[in-house]
Amino acid sequence: MEFDGSGQYLRHARMSIRSIVLISMGPLSWITEVENISATGLLARRPEEWCAGAGERCVLDLLVGDDLHIHLEAIVARLTADCVGLAYTSIPADKEHALWGLLGHYADHLDRPGVSTEND
């Protein structure tokens, strides 16, 4: 977690995106839609048959358009009835450039939870 000087929690700005992600955990896998993405993780729609819990490790294959495929390692950071929050644990060096290019100016921007960055 990152904190500002006053002890307030900060997070990287989240960018809405239309994409799908394949989430793999050993013999289990799910394909679902991505709600938003940041420099540190992504939020995906929770598949109906989802059975993993917070703290479990997984592999993500993020597919954006026809040309971009980003392979990442992550951990399940948060679960709700509708969504799965995944925090990256490993971004291969050859995929960093593609991820930062996808995020554009969002990769370097921090915000406070609940504060919109839509107009940045």
PDB file of N, CA and C in Angstrom:
ATOM      1  N   MET A   1       0.830  -1.182   0.000  1.00  0.00           N
ATOM      2  CA  MET A   1       0.000   0.000   0.000  1.00  0.00           C
ATOM      3  C   MET A   1       0.870   1.238   0.000  1.00  0.00           C
ATOM      4  N   GLU A   2       0.364   2.263  -0.640  1.00  0.00           N
ATOM      5  CA  GLU A   2       1.063   3.539  -0.637  1.00  0.00           C
ATOM      6  C   GLU A   2       0.240   4.531   0.164  1.00  0.00           C
ATOM      7  N   PHE A   3       0.945   5.380   0.935  1.00  0.00           N
ATOM      8  CA  PHE A   3       0.282   6.380   1.749  1.00  0.00           C
ATOM      9  C   PHE A   3       0.861   7.744   1.429  1.00  0.00           C
ATOM     10  N   ASP A   4       0.006   8.774   1.547  1.00  0.00           N
ATOM     11  CA  ASP A   4       0.521  10.123   1.367  1.00  0.00           C
ATOM     12  C   ASP A   4       1.114  10.598   2.690  1.00  0.00           C
ATOM     13  N   GLY A   5       1.600  11.812   2.764  1.00  0.00           N
ATOM     14  CA  GLY A   5       2.242  12.331   3.966  1.00  0.00           C
ATOM     15  C   GLY A   5       1.341  12.376   5.184  1.00  0.00           C
ATOM     16  N   SER A   6       0.020  12.419   4.997  1.00  0.00           N
ATOM     17  CA  SER A   6      -0.898  12.484   6.132  1.00  0.00           C
ATOM     18  C   SER A   6      -1.377  11.106   6.572  1.00  0.00           C
ATOM     19  N   GLY A   7      -0.847  10.049   5.964  1.00  0.00           N
ATOM     20  CA  GLY A   7      -1.246   8.692   6.316  1.00  0.00           C
ATOM     21  C   GLY A   7      -2.453   8.198   5.541  1.00  0.00           C
ATOM     22  N   GLN A   8      -2.950   8.983   4.593  1.00  0.00           N
ATOM     23  CA  GLN A   8      -4.100   8.589   3.779  1.00  0.00           C
ATOM     24  C   GLN A   8      -3.654   7.586   2.720  1.00  0.00           C
ATOM     25  N   TYR A   9      -4.439   6.524   2.542  1.00  0.00           N
ATOM     26  CA  TYR A   9      -4.147   5.495   1.557  1.00  0.00           C
ATOM     27  C   TYR A   9      -4.301   6.055   0.148  1.00  0.00           C
ATOM     28  N   LEU A  10      -3.338   5.745  -0.715  1.00  0.00           N
ATOM     29  CA  LEU A  10      -3.377   6.138  -2.120  1.00  0.00           C
ATOM     30  C   LEU A  10      -3.388   4.893  -2.988  1.00  0.00           C
ATOM     31  N   ARG A  11      -3.935   5.004  -4.173  1.00  0.00           N
ATOM     32  CA  ARG A  11      -3.880   3.904  -5.134  1.00  0.00           C
ATOM     33  C   ARG A  11      -3.632   4.485  -6.513  1.00  0.00           C
ATOM     34  N   HIS A  12      -3.106   3.659  -7.379  1.00  0.00           N
ATOM     35  CA  HIS A  12      -2.901   4.101  -8.758  1.00  0.00           C
ATOM     36  C   HIS A  12      -4.254   4.304  -9.417  1.00  0.00           C
ATOM     37  N   ALA A  13      -4.345   5.323 -10.253  1.00  0.00           N
ATOM     38  CA  ALA A  13      -5.596   5.636 -10.952  1.00  0.00           C
ATOM     39  C   ALA A  13      -6.035   4.432 -11.771  1.00  0.00           C
ATOM     40  N   ARG A  14      -7.323   4.220 -11.795  1.00  0.00           N
ATOM     41  CA  ARG A  14      -7.890   3.098 -12.531  1.00  0.00           C
ATOM     42  C   ARG A  14      -8.478   3.575 -13.848  1.00  0.00           C
ATOM     43  N   MET A  15      -8.163   2.845 -14.898  1.00  0.00           N
ATOM     44  CA  MET A  15      -8.637   3.188 -16.228  1.00  0.00           C
ATOM     45  C   MET A  15      -9.694   2.170 -16.654  1.00  0.00           C
ATOM     46  N   SER A  16     -10.884   2.653 -17.000  1.00  0.00           N
ATOM     47  CA  SER A  16     -11.910   1.757 -17.538  1.00  0.00           C
ATOM     48  C   SER A  16     -11.409   1.209 -18.866  1.00  0.00           C
ATOM     49  N   ILE A  17     -11.722  -0.051 -19.118  1.00  0.00           N
ATOM     50  CA  ILE A  17     -11.225  -0.697 -20.330  1.00  0.00           C
ATOM     51  C   ILE A  17     -12.213  -1.774 -20.759  1.00  0.00           C
ATOM     52  N   ARG A  18     -12.309  -1.994 -22.057  1.00  0.00           N
ATOM     53  CA  ARG A  18     -13.111  -3.097 -22.596  1.00  0.00           C
ATOM     54  C   ARG A  18     -12.133  -4.186 -22.998  1.00  0.00           C
ATOM     55  N   SER A  19     -12.092  -5.232 -22.204  1.00  0.00           N
ATOM     56  CA  SER A  19     -11.115  -6.286 -22.437  1.00  0.00           C
ATOM     57  C   SER A  19     -11.605  -7.565 -21.773  1.00  0.00           C
ATOM     58  N   ILE A  20     -10.959  -8.661 -22.104  1.00  0.00           N
ATOM     59  CA  ILE A  20     -11.218  -9.907 -21.399  1.00  0.00           C
ATOM     60  C   ILE A  20      -9.923 -10.391 -20.776  1.00  0.00           C
ATOM     61  N   VAL A  21     -10.063 -11.222 -19.757  1.00  0.00           N
ATOM     62  CA  VAL A  21      -8.904 -11.793 -19.090  1.00  0.00           C
ATOM     63  C   VAL A  21      -9.178 -13.275 -18.825  1.00  0.00           C
ATOM     64  N   LEU A  22      -8.167 -14.081 -19.056  1.00  0.00           N
ATOM     65  CA  LEU A  22      -8.192 -15.487 -18.686  1.00  0.00           C
ATOM     66  C   LEU A  22      -7.454 -15.580 -17.358  1.00  0.00           C
ATOM     67  N   ILE A  23      -8.148 -16.060 -16.334  1.00  0.00           N
ATOM     68  CA  ILE A  23      -7.555 -16.231 -15.007  1.00  0.00           C
ATOM     69  C   ILE A  23      -7.331 -17.721 -14.808  1.00  0.00           C
ATOM     70  N   SER A  24      -6.080 -18.129 -14.550  1.00  0.00           N
ATOM     71  CA  SER A  24      -5.749 -19.544 -14.376  1.00  0.00           C
ATOM     72  C   SER A  24      -5.164 -19.796 -12.996  1.00  0.00           C
ATOM     73  N   MET A  25      -5.646 -20.874 -12.372  1.00  0.00           N
ATOM     74  CA  MET A  25      -5.129 -21.338 -11.078  1.00  0.00           C
ATOM     75  C   MET A  25      -5.008 -22.846 -11.159  1.00  0.00           C
ATOM     76  N   GLY A  26      -3.801 -23.309 -11.438  1.00  0.00           N
ATOM     77  CA  GLY A  26      -3.619 -24.751 -11.590  1.00  0.00           C
ATOM     78  C   GLY A  26      -4.560 -25.283 -12.651  1.00  0.00           C
ATOM     79  N   PRO A  27      -5.387 -26.307 -12.315  1.00  0.00           N
ATOM     80  CA  PRO A  27      -6.286 -26.879 -13.323  1.00  0.00           C
ATOM     81  C   PRO A  27      -7.551 -26.046 -13.570  1.00  0.00           C
ATOM     82  N   LEU A  28      -7.769 -25.002 -12.775  1.00  0.00           N
ATOM     83  CA  LEU A  28      -8.961 -24.171 -12.912  1.00  0.00           C
ATOM     84  C   LEU A  28      -8.675 -22.955 -13.782  1.00  0.00           C
ATOM     85  N   SER A  29      -9.676 -22.540 -14.557  1.00  0.00           N
ATOM     86  CA  SER A  29      -9.526 -21.306 -15.335  1.00  0.00           C
ATOM     87  C   SER A  29     -10.893 -20.702 -15.595  1.00  0.00           C
ATOM     88  N   TRP A  30     -10.894 -19.386 -15.745  1.00  0.00           N
ATOM     89  CA  TRP A  30     -12.107 -18.626 -16.000  1.00  0.00           C
ATOM     90  C   TRP A  30     -11.800 -17.542 -17.014  1.00  0.00           C
ATOM     91  N   ILE A  31     -12.734 -17.272 -17.898  1.00  0.00           N
ATOM     92  CA  ILE A  31     -12.637 -16.130 -18.816  1.00  0.00           C
ATOM     93  C   ILE A  31     -13.703 -15.139 -18.372  1.00  0.00           C
ATOM     94  N   THR A  32     -13.302 -13.885 -18.211  1.00  0.00           N
ATOM     95  CA  THR A  32     -14.238 -12.871 -17.755  1.00  0.00           C
ATOM     96  C   THR A  32     -13.866 -11.504 -18.317  1.00  0.00           C
ATOM     97  N   GLU A  33     -14.726 -10.522 -18.086  1.00  0.00           N
ATOM     98  CA  GLU A  33     -14.512  -9.166 -18.572  1.00  0.00           C
ATOM     99  C   GLU A  33     -13.760  -8.338 -17.534  1.00  0.00           C
ATOM    100  N   VAL A  34     -12.899  -7.464 -18.015  1.00  0.00           N
ATOM    101  CA  VAL A  34     -12.164  -6.540 -17.157  1.00  0.00           C
ATOM    102  C   VAL A  34     -13.007  -5.279 -16.988  1.00  0.00           C
ATOM    103  N   GLU A  35     -13.166  -4.831 -15.748  1.00  0.00           N
ATOM    104  CA  GLU A  35     -13.893  -3.590 -15.457  1.00  0.00           C
ATOM    105  C   GLU A  35     -12.950  -2.384 -15.561  1.00  0.00           C
ATOM    106  N   ASN A  36     -11.783  -2.503 -14.906  1.00  0.00           N
ATOM    107  CA  ASN A  36     -10.789  -1.436 -14.969  1.00  0.00           C
ATOM    108  C   ASN A  36      -9.419  -2.005 -14.672  1.00  0.00           C
ATOM    109  N   ILE A  37      -8.404  -1.204 -14.980  1.00  0.00           N
ATOM    110  CA  ILE A  37      -7.022  -1.648 -14.845  1.00  0.00           C
ATOM    111  C   ILE A  37      -6.195  -0.493 -14.302  1.00  0.00           C
ATOM    112  N   SER A  38      -5.149  -0.819 -13.540  1.00  0.00           N
ATOM    113  CA  SER A  38      -4.227   0.199 -13.043  1.00  0.00           C
ATOM    114  C   SER A  38      -2.812  -0.337 -13.179  1.00  0.00           C
ATOM    115  N   ALA A  39      -1.849   0.428 -12.716  1.00  0.00           N
ATOM    116  CA  ALA A  39      -0.452   0.002 -12.771  1.00  0.00           C
ATOM    117  C   ALA A  39      -0.158  -1.135 -11.803  1.00  0.00           C
ATOM    118  N   THR A  40      -1.063  -1.380 -10.849  1.00  0.00           N
ATOM    119  CA  THR A  40      -0.802  -2.402  -9.837  1.00  0.00           C
ATOM    120  C   THR A  40      -1.774  -3.570  -9.847  1.00  0.00           C
ATOM    121  N   GLY A  41      -2.839  -3.501 -10.652  1.00  0.00           N
ATOM    122  CA  GLY A  41      -3.793  -4.598 -10.680  1.00  0.00           C
ATOM    123  C   GLY A  41      -4.977  -4.313 -11.571  1.00  0.00           C
ATOM    124  N   LEU A  42      -5.958  -5.214 -11.513  1.00  0.00           N
ATOM    125  CA  LEU A  42      -7.165  -5.024 -12.300  1.00  0.00           C
ATOM    126  C   LEU A  42      -8.375  -5.529 -11.541  1.00  0.00           C
ATOM    127  N   LEU A  43      -9.528  -5.040 -11.952  1.00  0.00           N
ATOM    128  CA  LEU A  43     -10.808  -5.460 -11.397  1.00  0.00           C
ATOM    129  C   LEU A  43     -11.585  -6.136 -12.506  1.00  0.00           C
ATOM    130  N   ALA A  44     -12.017  -7.371 -12.262  1.00  0.00           N
ATOM    131  CA  ALA A  44     -12.733  -8.147 -13.270  1.00  0.00           C
ATOM    132  C   ALA A  44     -14.099  -8.559 -12.730  1.00  0.00           C
ATOM    133  N   ARG A  45     -15.019  -8.816 -13.643  1.00  0.00           N
ATOM    134  CA  ARG A  45     -16.329  -9.336 -13.241  1.00  0.00           C
ATOM    135  C   ARG A  45     -16.121 -10.742 -12.697  1.00  0.00           C
ATOM    136  N   ARG A  46     -16.773 -11.048 -11.598  1.00  0.00           N
ATOM    137  CA  ARG A  46     -16.612 -12.351 -10.960  1.00  0.00           C
ATOM    138  C   ARG A  46     -17.396 -13.415 -11.742  1.00  0.00           C
ATOM    139  N   PRO A  47     -16.685 -14.443 -12.242  1.00  0.00           N
ATOM    140  CA  PRO A  47     -17.377 -15.516 -12.964  1.00  0.00           C
ATOM    141  C   PRO A  47     -18.341 -16.264 -12.038  1.00  0.00           C
ATOM    142  N   GLU A  48     -19.452 -16.747 -12.591  1.00  0.00           N
ATOM    143  CA  GLU A  48     -20.451 -17.468 -11.789  1.00  0.00           C
ATOM    144  C   GLU A  48     -19.846 -18.652 -11.047  1.00  0.00           C
ATOM    145  N   GLU A  49     -18.958 -19.368 -11.685  1.00  0.00           N
ATOM    146  CA  GLU A  49     -18.391 -20.585 -11.094  1.00  0.00           C
ATOM    147  C   GLU A  49     -17.115 -20.325 -10.288  1.00  0.00           C
ATOM    148  N   TRP A  50     -16.848 -19.073  -9.942  1.00  0.00           N
ATOM    149  CA  TRP A  50     -15.636 -18.692  -9.205  1.00  0.00           C
ATOM    150  C   TRP A  50     -15.580 -19.411  -7.869  1.00  0.00           C
ATOM    151  N   CYS A  51     -14.411 -19.991  -7.527  1.00  0.00           N
ATOM    152  CA  CYS A  51     -14.286 -20.724  -6.264  1.00  0.00           C
ATOM    153  C   CYS A  51     -12.991 -20.406  -5.523  1.00  0.00           C
ATOM    154  N   ALA A  52     -12.253 -19.403  -5.938  1.00  0.00           N
ATOM    155  CA  ALA A  52     -10.984 -19.050  -5.290  1.00  0.00           C
ATOM    156  C   ALA A  52     -11.207 -17.972  -4.234  1.00  0.00           C
ATOM    157  N   GLY A  53     -10.318 -17.947  -3.256  1.00  0.00           N
ATOM    158  CA  GLY A  53     -10.426 -16.974  -2.185  1.00  0.00           C
ATOM    159  C   GLY A  53      -9.312 -15.948  -2.209  1.00  0.00           C
ATOM    160  N   ALA A  54      -9.480 -14.925  -1.398  1.00  0.00           N
ATOM    161  CA  ALA A  54      -8.463 -13.880  -1.283  1.00  0.00           C
ATOM    162  C   ALA A  54      -7.135 -14.493  -0.864  1.00  0.00           C
ATOM    163  N   GLY A  55      -6.056 -13.988  -1.436  1.00  0.00           N
ATOM    164  CA  GLY A  55      -4.721 -14.468  -1.121  1.00  0.00           C
ATOM    165  C   GLY A  55      -4.208 -15.558  -2.049  1.00  0.00           C
ATOM    166  N   GLU A  56      -5.082 -16.113  -2.866  1.00  0.00           N
ATOM    167  CA  GLU A  56      -4.647 -17.172  -3.787  1.00  0.00           C
ATOM    168  C   GLU A  56      -3.931 -16.577  -4.991  1.00  0.00           C
ATOM    169  N   ARG A  57      -2.907 -17.288  -5.450  1.00  0.00           N
ATOM    170  CA  ARG A  57      -2.104 -16.851  -6.599  1.00  0.00           C
ATOM    171  C   ARG A  57      -2.735 -17.345  -7.890  1.00  0.00           C
ATOM    172  N   CYS A  58      -2.541 -16.559  -8.956  1.00  0.00           N
ATOM    173  CA  CYS A  58      -3.082 -16.943 -10.252  1.00  0.00           C
ATOM    174  C   CYS A  58      -2.223 -16.357 -11.365  1.00  0.00           C
ATOM    175  N   VAL A  59      -2.510 -16.777 -12.577  1.00  0.00           N
ATOM    176  CA  VAL A  59      -1.863 -16.251 -13.777  1.00  0.00           C
ATOM    177  C   VAL A  59      -2.951 -15.580 -14.600  1.00  0.00           C
ATOM    178  N   LEU A  60      -2.642 -14.396 -15.115  1.00  0.00           N
ATOM    179  CA  LEU A  60      -3.588 -13.639 -15.926  1.00  0.00           C
ATOM    180  C   LEU A  60      -3.083 -13.544 -17.354  1.00  0.00           C
ATOM    181  N   ASP A  61      -3.975 -13.734 -18.288  1.00  0.00           N
ATOM    182  CA  ASP A  61      -3.698 -13.474 -19.695  1.00  0.00           C
ATOM    183  C   ASP A  61      -4.701 -12.422 -20.128  1.00  0.00           C
ATOM    184  N   LEU A  62      -4.217 -11.182 -20.202  1.00  0.00           N
ATOM    185  CA  LEU A  62      -5.042 -10.041 -20.542  1.00  0.00           C
ATOM    186  C   LEU A  62      -5.028  -9.856 -22.059  1.00  0.00           C
ATOM    187  N   LEU A  63      -6.210  -9.864 -22.653  1.00  0.00           N
ATOM    188  CA  LEU A  63      -6.334  -9.726 -24.103  1.00  0.00           C
ATOM    189  C   LEU A  63      -7.029  -8.413 -24.410  1.00  0.00           C
ATOM    190  N   VAL A  64      -6.316  -7.526 -25.133  1.00  0.00           N
ATOM    191  CA  VAL A  64      -6.847  -6.216 -25.482  1.00  0.00           C
ATOM    192  C   VAL A  64      -6.834  -6.088 -27.003  1.00  0.00           C
ATOM    193  N   GLY A  65      -7.998  -5.960 -27.594  1.00  0.00           N
ATOM    194  CA  GLY A  65      -8.087  -5.872 -29.043  1.00  0.00           C
ATOM    195  C   GLY A  65      -7.562  -7.140 -29.695  1.00  0.00           C
ATOM    196  N   ASP A  66      -7.121  -6.993 -30.928  1.00  0.00           N
ATOM    197  CA  ASP A  66      -6.616  -8.144 -31.671  1.00  0.00           C
ATOM    198  C   ASP A  66      -5.111  -8.336 -31.531  1.00  0.00           C
ATOM    199  N   ASP A  67      -4.415  -7.311 -31.056  1.00  0.00           N
ATOM    200  CA  ASP A  67      -2.956  -7.336 -31.111  1.00  0.00           C
ATOM    201  C   ASP A  67      -2.220  -7.428 -29.782  1.00  0.00           C
ATOM    202  N   LEU A  68      -2.898  -7.152 -28.675  1.00  0.00           N
ATOM    203  CA  LEU A  68      -2.173  -7.060 -27.401  1.00  0.00           C
ATOM    204  C   LEU A  68      -2.544  -8.183 -26.455  1.00  0.00           C
ATOM    205  N   HIS A  69      -1.539  -8.941 -26.033  1.00  0.00           N
ATOM    206  CA  HIS A  69      -1.696 -10.023 -25.056  1.00  0.00           C
ATOM    207  C   HIS A  69      -0.641  -9.807 -23.984  1.00  0.00           C
ATOM    208  N   ILE A  70      -1.089  -9.615 -22.735  1.00  0.00           N
ATOM    209  CA  ILE A  70      -0.159  -9.387 -21.628  1.00  0.00           C
ATOM    210  C   ILE A  70      -0.336 -10.508 -20.621  1.00  0.00           C
ATOM    211  N   HIS A  71       0.734 -11.227 -20.341  1.00  0.00           N
ATOM    212  CA  HIS A  71       0.759 -12.350 -19.407  1.00  0.00           C
ATOM    213  C   HIS A  71       1.334 -11.842 -18.076  1.00  0.00           C
ATOM    214  N   LEU A  72       0.589 -12.017 -16.978  1.00  0.00           N
ATOM    215  CA  LEU A  72       0.982 -11.501 -15.662  1.00  0.00           C
ATOM    216  C   LEU A  72       0.731 -12.540 -14.583  1.00  0.00           C
ATOM    217  N   GLU A  73       1.452 -12.413 -13.477  1.00  0.00           N
ATOM    218  CA  GLU A  73       1.144 -13.195 -12.286  1.00  0.00           C
ATOM    219  C   GLU A  73       0.473 -12.254 -11.303  1.00  0.00           C
ATOM    220  N   ALA A  74      -0.500 -12.788 -10.540  1.00  0.00           N
ATOM    221  CA  ALA A  74      -1.261 -11.934  -9.635  1.00  0.00           C
ATOM    222  C   ALA A  74      -1.713 -12.720  -8.410  1.00  0.00           C
ATOM    223  N   ILE A  75      -2.306 -11.987  -7.493  1.00  0.00           N
ATOM    224  CA  ILE A  75      -2.900 -12.569  -6.297  1.00  0.00           C
ATOM    225  C   ILE A  75      -4.313 -12.014  -6.177  1.00  0.00           C
ATOM    226  N   VAL A  76      -5.242 -12.837  -5.710  1.00  0.00           N
ATOM    227  CA  VAL A  76      -6.604 -12.364  -5.491  1.00  0.00           C
ATOM    228  C   VAL A  76      -6.562 -11.440  -4.279  1.00  0.00           C
ATOM    229  N   ALA A  77      -6.828 -10.163  -4.509  1.00  0.00           N
ATOM    230  CA  ALA A  77      -6.717  -9.161  -3.448  1.00  0.00           C
ATOM    231  C   ALA A  77      -8.058  -8.838  -2.802  1.00  0.00           C
ATOM    232  N   ARG A  78      -9.134  -8.970  -3.570  1.00  0.00           N
ATOM    233  CA  ARG A  78     -10.438  -8.552  -3.063  1.00  0.00           C
ATOM    234  C   ARG A  78     -11.535  -9.286  -3.805  1.00  0.00           C
ATOM    235  N   LEU A  79     -12.585  -9.651  -3.093  1.00  0.00           N
ATOM    236  CA  LEU A  79     -13.736 -10.324  -3.686  1.00  0.00           C
ATOM    237  C   LEU A  79     -15.019  -9.624  -3.259  1.00  0.00           C
ATOM    238  N   THR A  80     -15.925  -9.442  -4.198  1.00  0.00           N
ATOM    239  CA  THR A  80     -17.276  -9.000  -3.890  1.00  0.00           C
ATOM    240  C   THR A  80     -18.213  -9.977  -4.591  1.00  0.00           C
ATOM    241  N   ALA A  81     -19.491  -9.783  -4.422  1.00  0.00           N
ATOM    242  CA  ALA A  81     -20.455 -10.658  -5.092  1.00  0.00           C
ATOM    243  C   ALA A  81     -20.343 -10.550  -6.609  1.00  0.00           C
ATOM    244  N   ASP A  82     -19.905  -9.378  -7.105  1.00  0.00           N
ATOM    245  CA  ASP A  82     -19.859  -9.140  -8.543  1.00  0.00           C
ATOM    246  C   ASP A  82     -18.465  -9.076  -9.147  1.00  0.00           C
ATOM    247  N   CYS A  83     -17.438  -8.821  -8.340  1.00  0.00           N
ATOM    248  CA  CYS A  83     -16.106  -8.547  -8.881  1.00  0.00           C
ATOM    249  C   CYS A  83     -14.995  -9.288  -8.155  1.00  0.00           C
ATOM    250  N   VAL A  84     -13.875  -9.416  -8.854  1.00  0.00           N
ATOM    251  CA  VAL A  84     -12.639  -9.977  -8.315  1.00  0.00           C
ATOM    252  C   VAL A  84     -11.548  -8.933  -8.530  1.00  0.00           C
ATOM    253  N   GLY A  85     -10.898  -8.508  -7.456  1.00  0.00           N
ATOM    254  CA  GLY A  85      -9.770  -7.586  -7.554  1.00  0.00           C
ATOM    255  C   GLY A  85      -8.479  -8.376  -7.542  1.00  0.00           C
ATOM    256  N   LEU A  86      -7.623  -8.161  -8.518  1.00  0.00           N
ATOM    257  CA  LEU A  86      -6.371  -8.904  -8.662  1.00  0.00           C
ATOM    258  C   LEU A  86      -5.204  -7.934  -8.638  1.00  0.00           C
ATOM    259  N   ALA A  87      -4.223  -8.216  -7.780  1.00  0.00           N
ATOM    260  CA  ALA A  87      -3.022  -7.379  -7.671  1.00  0.00           C
ATOM    261  C   ALA A  87      -1.865  -8.108  -8.336  1.00  0.00           C
ATOM    262  N   TYR A  88      -1.158  -7.409  -9.225  1.00  0.00           N
ATOM    263  CA  TYR A  88      -0.027  -8.023  -9.912  1.00  0.00           C
ATOM    264  C   TYR A  88       1.076  -8.354  -8.908  1.00  0.00           C
ATOM    265  N   THR A  89       1.655  -9.536  -9.047  1.00  0.00           N
ATOM    266  CA  THR A  89       2.822  -9.902  -8.241  1.00  0.00           C
ATOM    267  C   THR A  89       4.070  -9.991  -9.100  1.00  0.00           C
ATOM    268  N   SER A  90       3.877 -10.173 -10.410  1.00  0.00           N
ATOM    269  CA  SER A  90       5.014 -10.257 -11.316  1.00  0.00           C
ATOM    270  C   SER A  90       4.586  -9.816 -12.714  1.00  0.00           C
ATOM    271  N   ILE A  91       5.336  -8.866 -13.249  1.00  0.00           N
ATOM    272  CA  ILE A  91       5.120  -8.416 -14.620  1.00  0.00           C
ATOM    273  C   ILE A  91       6.413  -8.716 -15.368  1.00  0.00           C
ATOM    274  N   PRO A  92       6.402  -9.662 -16.314  1.00  0.00           N
ATOM    275  CA  PRO A  92       7.620  -9.969 -17.051  1.00  0.00           C
ATOM    276  C   PRO A  92       8.185  -8.712 -17.716  1.00  0.00           C
ATOM    277  N   ALA A  93       9.485  -8.588 -17.720  1.00  0.00           N
ATOM    278  CA  ALA A  93      10.151  -7.402 -18.263  1.00  0.00           C
ATOM    279  C   ALA A  93       9.710  -7.111 -19.697  1.00  0.00           C
ATOM    280  N   ASP A  94       9.497  -8.153 -20.498  1.00  0.00           N
ATOM    281  CA  ASP A  94       9.105  -7.929 -21.891  1.00  0.00           C
ATOM    282  C   ASP A  94       7.649  -7.484 -22.037  1.00  0.00           C
ATOM    283  N   LYS A  95       6.867  -7.501 -20.946  1.00  0.00           N
ATOM    284  CA  LYS A  95       5.466  -7.071 -20.997  1.00  0.00           C
ATOM    285  C   LYS A  95       5.242  -5.722 -20.320  1.00  0.00           C
ATOM    286  N   GLU A  96       6.255  -5.228 -19.582  1.00  0.00           N
ATOM    287  CA  GLU A  96       6.107  -3.945 -18.889  1.00  0.00           C
ATOM    288  C   GLU A  96       5.776  -2.822 -19.868  1.00  0.00           C
ATOM    289  N   HIS A  97       6.509  -2.737 -20.960  1.00  0.00           N
ATOM    290  CA  HIS A  97       6.300  -1.670 -21.935  1.00  0.00           C
ATOM    291  C   HIS A  97       4.871  -1.705 -22.490  1.00  0.00           C
ATOM    292  N   ALA A  98       4.373  -2.904 -22.794  1.00  0.00           N
ATOM    293  CA  ALA A  98       3.015  -3.036 -23.320  1.00  0.00           C
ATOM    294  C   ALA A  98       1.978  -2.586 -22.289  1.00  0.00           C
ATOM    295  N   LEU A  99       2.174  -2.953 -21.025  1.00  0.00           N
ATOM    296  CA  LEU A  99       1.234  -2.554 -19.976  1.00  0.00           C
ATOM    297  C   LEU A  99       1.255  -1.047 -19.774  1.00  0.00           C
ATOM    298  N   TRP A 100       2.438  -0.452 -19.685  1.00  0.00           N
ATOM    299  CA  TRP A 100       2.535   0.998 -19.481  1.00  0.00           C
ATOM    300  C   TRP A 100       1.985   1.742 -20.700  1.00  0.00           C
ATOM    301  N   GLY A 101       2.204   1.205 -21.897  1.00  0.00           N
ATOM    302  CA  GLY A 101       1.652   1.822 -23.095  1.00  0.00           C
ATOM    303  C   GLY A 101       0.127   1.791 -23.086  1.00  0.00           C
ATOM    304  N   LEU A 102      -0.450   0.698 -22.613  1.00  0.00           N
ATOM    305  CA  LEU A 102      -1.896   0.578 -22.512  1.00  0.00           C
ATOM    306  C   LEU A 102      -2.454   1.592 -21.515  1.00  0.00           C
ATOM    307  N   LEU A 103      -1.767   1.756 -20.400  1.00  0.00           N
ATOM    308  CA  LEU A 103      -2.256   2.636 -19.342  1.00  0.00           C
ATOM    309  C   LEU A 103      -2.056   4.116 -19.638  1.00  0.00           C
ATOM    310  N   GLY A 104      -1.072   4.444 -20.463  1.00  0.00           N
ATOM    311  CA  GLY A 104      -0.816   5.846 -20.776  1.00  0.00           C
ATOM    312  C   GLY A 104      -0.538   6.652 -19.523  1.00  0.00           C
ATOM    313  N   HIS A 105      -1.173   7.813 -19.395  1.00  0.00           N
ATOM    314  CA  HIS A 105      -0.911   8.686 -18.250  1.00  0.00           C
ATOM    315  C   HIS A 105      -1.460   8.127 -16.945  1.00  0.00           C
ATOM    316  N   TYR A 106      -2.334   7.114 -16.983  1.00  0.00           N
ATOM    317  CA  TYR A 106      -2.878   6.543 -15.757  1.00  0.00           C
ATOM    318  C   TYR A 106      -1.815   5.825 -14.933  1.00  0.00           C
ATOM    319  N   ALA A 107      -0.774   5.313 -15.565  1.00  0.00           N
ATOM    320  CA  ALA A 107       0.235   4.519 -14.868  1.00  0.00           C
ATOM    321  C   ALA A 107       0.965   5.301 -13.791  1.00  0.00           C
ATOM    322  N   ASP A 108       1.142   6.600 -13.976  1.00  0.00           N
ATOM    323  CA  ASP A 108       1.902   7.405 -13.024  1.00  0.00           C
ATOM    324  C   ASP A 108       1.046   8.223 -12.076  1.00  0.00           C
ATOM    325  N   HIS A 109      -0.256   8.167 -12.201  1.00  0.00           N
ATOM    326  CA  HIS A 109      -1.153   9.011 -11.419  1.00  0.00           C
ATOM    327  C   HIS A 109      -1.655   8.242 -10.190  1.00  0.00           C
ATOM    328  N   LEU A 110      -1.596   8.887  -9.044  1.00  0.00           N
ATOM    329  CA  LEU A 110      -2.153   8.309  -7.820  1.00  0.00           C
ATOM    330  C   LEU A 110      -3.399   9.085  -7.445  1.00  0.00           C
ATOM    331  N   ASP A 111      -4.381   8.369  -6.881  1.00  0.00           N
ATOM    332  CA  ASP A 111      -5.559   9.064  -6.381  1.00  0.00           C
ATOM    333  C   ASP A 111      -5.969   8.490  -5.041  1.00  0.00           C
ATOM    334  N   ARG A 112      -6.887   9.169  -4.389  1.00  0.00           N
ATOM    335  CA  ARG A 112      -7.435   8.689  -3.134  1.00  0.00           C
ATOM    336  C   ARG A 112      -8.690   7.885  -3.466  1.00  0.00           C
ATOM    337  N   PRO A 113      -8.925   6.770  -2.758  1.00  0.00           N
ATOM    338  CA  PRO A 113     -10.134   5.989  -3.042  1.00  0.00           C
ATOM    339  C   PRO A 113     -11.377   6.872  -2.975  1.00  0.00           C
ATOM    340  N   GLY A 114     -12.273   6.672  -3.938  1.00  0.00           N
ATOM    341  CA  GLY A 114     -13.504   7.427  -3.975  1.00  0.00           C
ATOM    342  C   GLY A 114     -13.405   8.721  -4.761  1.00  0.00           C
ATOM    343  N   VAL A 115     -12.208   9.100  -5.194  1.00  0.00           N
ATOM    344  CA  VAL A 115     -12.024  10.326  -5.970  1.00  0.00           C
ATOM    345  C   VAL A 115     -11.904   9.932  -7.434  1.00  0.00           C
ATOM    346  N   SER A 116     -12.750  10.472  -8.261  1.00  0.00           N
ATOM    347  CA  SER A 116     -12.781  10.133  -9.685  1.00  0.00           C
ATOM    348  C   SER A 116     -11.591  10.708 -10.402  1.00  0.00           C
ATOM    349  N   THR A 117     -11.027   9.936 -11.353  1.00  0.00           N
ATOM    350  CA  THR A 117      -9.941  10.431 -12.196  1.00  0.00           C
ATOM    351  C   THR A 117     -10.386  10.448 -13.648  1.00  0.00           C
ATOM    352  N   GLU A 118     -11.688  10.350 -13.886  1.00  0.00           N
ATOM    353  CA  GLU A 118     -12.225  10.288 -15.243  1.00  0.00           C
ATOM    354  C   GLU A 118     -11.840  11.499 -16.074  1.00  0.00           C
ATOM    355  N   ASN A 119     -11.680  12.688 -15.466  1.00  0.00           N
ATOM    356  CA  ASN A 119     -11.424  13.905 -16.225  1.00  0.00           C
ATOM    357  C   ASN A 119      -9.957  14.251 -16.329  1.00  0.00           C
ATOM    358  N   ASP A 120      -9.067  13.397 -15.902  1.00  0.00           N
ATOM    359  CA  ASP A 120      -7.625  13.658 -15.988  1.00  0.00           C
ATOM    360  C   ASP A 120      -7.151  13.667 -17.418  1.00  0.00           C
TER     361      ASP A 120
END
